[in-house]
C-alpha atoms as a PDB file:
ATOM      1  CA  UNK A   1     -94.306 -50.582  15.718  1.00  0.00           C
ATOM      2  CA  UNK A   2     -97.036 -49.506  13.359  1.00  0.00           C
ATOM      3  CA  UNK A   3     -96.137 -47.577  10.218  1.00  0.00           C
ATOM      4  CA  UNK A   4     -98.185 -44.494  11.234  1.00  0.00           C
ATOM      5  CA  UNK A   5     -96.280 -44.307  14.529  1.00  0.00           C
ATOM      6  CA  UNK A   6     -92.945 -44.754  12.733  1.00  0.00           C
ATOM      7  CA  UNK A   7     -93.859 -41.971  10.272  1.00  0.00           C
ATOM      8  CA  UNK A   8     -94.895 -39.660  13.120  1.00  0.00           C
ATOM      9  CA  UNK A   9     -91.566 -40.205  14.879  1.00  0.00           C
ATOM     10  CA  UNK A  10     -89.625 -39.535  11.668  1.00  0.00           C
ATOM     11  CA  UNK A  11     -91.706 -36.418  10.943  1.00  0.00           C
ATOM     12  CA  UNK A  12     -91.156 -35.160  14.500  1.00  0.00           C
ATOM     13  CA  UNK A  13     -87.405 -35.705  14.122  1.00  0.00           C
ATOM     14  CA  UNK A  14     -87.434 -33.790  10.826  1.00  0.00           C
ATOM     15  CA  UNK A  15     -89.265 -30.888  12.469  1.00  0.00           C
ATOM     16  CA  UNK A  16     -86.601 -30.838  15.196  1.00  0.00           C
ATOM     17  CA  UNK A  17     -83.870 -30.851  12.507  1.00  0.00           C
ATOM     18  CA  UNK A  18     -82.461 -34.184  13.687  1.00  0.00           C
ATOM     19  CA  UNK A  19     -79.676 -35.073  11.245  1.00  0.00           C
ATOM     20  CA  UNK A  20     -79.373 -38.816  11.877  1.00  0.00           C
ATOM     21  CA  UNK A  21     -81.572 -41.615  13.192  1.00  0.00           C
ATOM     22  CA  UNK A  22     -80.339 -45.122  14.013  1.00  0.00           C
ATOM     23  CA  UNK A  23     -83.061 -47.621  13.114  1.00  0.00           C
ATOM     24  CA  UNK A  24     -82.218 -50.473  15.452  1.00  0.00           C
ATOM     25  CA  UNK A  25     -82.317 -51.461  19.080  1.00  0.00           C
ATOM     26  CA  UNK A  26     -82.109 -55.062  20.221  1.00  0.00           C
ATOM     27  CA  UNK A  27     -83.109 -56.668  16.931  1.00  0.00           C
ATOM     28  CA  UNK A  28     -82.311 -56.760  13.246  1.00  0.00           C
ATOM     29  CA  UNK A  29     -84.226 -54.001  11.410  1.00  0.00           C
ATOM     30  CA  UNK A  30     -83.866 -55.744   8.041  1.00  0.00           C
ATOM     31  CA  UNK A  31     -86.149 -58.547   9.285  1.00  0.00           C
ATOM     32  CA  UNK A  32     -89.051 -56.106   9.553  1.00  0.00           C
ATOM     33  CA  UNK A  33     -91.371 -56.732   6.571  1.00  0.00           C
ATOM     34  CA  UNK A  34     -92.129 -52.987   6.452  1.00  0.00           C
ATOM     35  CA  UNK A  35     -88.461 -51.899   6.444  1.00  0.00           C
ATOM     36  CA  UNK A  36     -88.285 -50.916   2.770  1.00  0.00           C
ATOM     37  CA  UNK A  37     -91.491 -48.878   3.140  1.00  0.00           C
ATOM     38  CA  UNK A  38     -90.200 -47.210   6.300  1.00  0.00           C
ATOM     39  CA  UNK A  39     -86.928 -46.004   4.791  1.00  0.00           C
ATOM     40  CA  UNK A  40     -88.382 -44.935   1.428  1.00  0.00           C
END
């Protein structure tokens, strides 16, 4: 997933007052080279 798409999803969740987001599915999120940028 591109970073702009990730940021849009996070921003949309914030606007909907989502309290928690699980950043995983069928893989290991820590293997994503952009992970530290995405959670900052």
